[in-house]
Amino acid sequence: MAEPFLSPVNASLSVLAENSAHNGKLLHSLSNKLLPIVVFSQLALRRCEDDQLKRQLEKILGAAEQARDILVEIRSLHAERNP
């Protein structure tokens, strides 16, 4: 069921890794948008005493960290393709 979604995603990631200064700027902008999500969810987790809210914050943080890891991979591909 997820396969039809994966193909367009992989195609989009490949386009981002292609030779373009604009794509490099886009990757940088996306990274900047993720930073406050990671930082503020970490801060909220440290202060949180509610177990249900803590689980929700952990999901937010986990998703943001996964997105950050994807951006790191795309940046690596971008750097490899654009020495």
Protein backbone atom coordinates (compact mmCIF):
# COMPACT_ATOMS: atom_id res chain seq x y z
CA MET A 1 0.00 0.00 0.00
CA ALA A 2 2.89 2.41 0.71
CA GLU A 3 4.69 1.61 -2.55
CA PRO A 4 2.76 4.09 -4.75
CA PHE A 5 3.75 6.84 -2.30
CA LEU A 6 7.41 5.83 -2.12
CA SER A 7 8.06 6.23 -5.82
CA PRO A 8 7.13 9.96 -6.00
CA VAL A 9 9.01 10.57 -2.75
CA ASN A 10 12.16 8.92 -4.11
CA ALA A 11 11.81 10.93 -7.32
CA SER A 12 11.48 14.15 -5.30
CA LEU A 13 14.55 13.32 -3.22
CA SER A 14 16.52 12.65 -6.37
CA VAL A 15 15.49 16.04 -7.80
CA LEU A 16 16.62 17.77 -4.60
CA ALA A 17 20.03 16.13 -4.89
CA GLU A 18 20.51 17.34 -8.47
CA ASN A 19 22.82 20.18 -9.45
CA SER A 20 21.19 23.41 -8.43
CA ALA A 21 22.16 26.21 -6.08
CA HIS A 22 18.45 26.70 -5.44
CA ASN A 23 18.13 23.12 -4.19
CA GLY A 24 21.05 23.65 -1.81
CA LYS A 25 19.32 26.73 -0.42
CA LEU A 26 16.06 24.79 -0.12
CA LEU A 27 17.79 22.04 1.88
CA HIS A 28 19.30 24.70 4.15
CA SER A 29 15.89 26.35 4.65
CA LEU A 30 14.24 23.03 5.49
CA SER A 31 16.98 22.31 8.01
CA ASN A 32 16.41 25.71 9.60
CA LYS A 33 12.68 24.98 9.91
CA LEU A 34 13.37 21.69 11.70
CA LEU A 35 15.76 23.17 14.27
CA PRO A 36 13.13 24.86 16.49
CA ILE A 37 10.93 21.74 16.35
CA VAL A 38 13.80 19.62 17.65
CA VAL A 39 14.99 22.14 20.24
CA PHE A 40 11.60 23.09 21.65
CA SER A 41 10.34 19.50 21.78
CA GLN A 42 13.51 18.53 23.68
CA LEU A 43 12.97 21.45 26.07
CA ALA A 44 9.30 20.56 26.56
CA LEU A 45 10.21 16.90 27.21
CA ARG A 46 12.60 17.92 29.99
CA ARG A 47 9.91 20.00 31.66
CA CYS A 48 6.96 17.69 31.03
CA GLU A 49 5.43 15.71 33.87
CA ASP A 50 2.36 14.39 32.02
CA ASP A 51 3.05 10.89 30.63
CA GLN A 52 0.59 11.14 27.73
CA LEU A 53 1.95 14.52 26.65
CA LYS A 54 5.49 13.21 27.03
CA ARG A 55 4.73 10.33 24.61
CA GLN A 56 3.30 12.81 22.10
CA LEU A 57 6.34 15.06 22.40
CA GLU A 58 8.61 12.04 21.89
CA LYS A 59 6.75 11.27 18.64
CA ILE A 60 7.19 14.87 17.48
CA LEU A 61 10.88 14.80 18.34
CA GLY A 62 11.38 11.41 16.69
CA ALA A 63 9.70 12.54 13.47
CA ALA A 64 11.74 15.76 13.39
CA GLU A 65 14.96 13.81 13.94
CA GLN A 66 14.05 11.41 11.13
CA ALA A 67 13.35 14.35 8.82
CA ARG A 68 16.70 15.85 9.79
CA ASP A 69 18.43 12.54 8.97
CA ILE A 70 16.75 12.51 5.55
CA LEU A 71 18.01 16.04 4.91
CA VAL A 72 21.53 14.96 5.86
CA GLU A 73 21.30 12.12 3.33
CA ILE A 74 20.03 14.47 0.62
CA ARG A 75 22.82 16.94 1.37
CA SER A 76 25.35 14.13 1.02
CA LEU A 77 23.88 13.13 -2.34
CA HIS A 78 23.87 16.79 -3.39
CA ALA A 79 27.53 17.15 -2.42
CA GLU A 80 28.47 13.93 -4.26
CA ARG A 81 26.70 15.01 -7.44
CA ASN A 82 27.99 18.59 -7.26
CA PRO A 83 31.68 18.51 -6.28
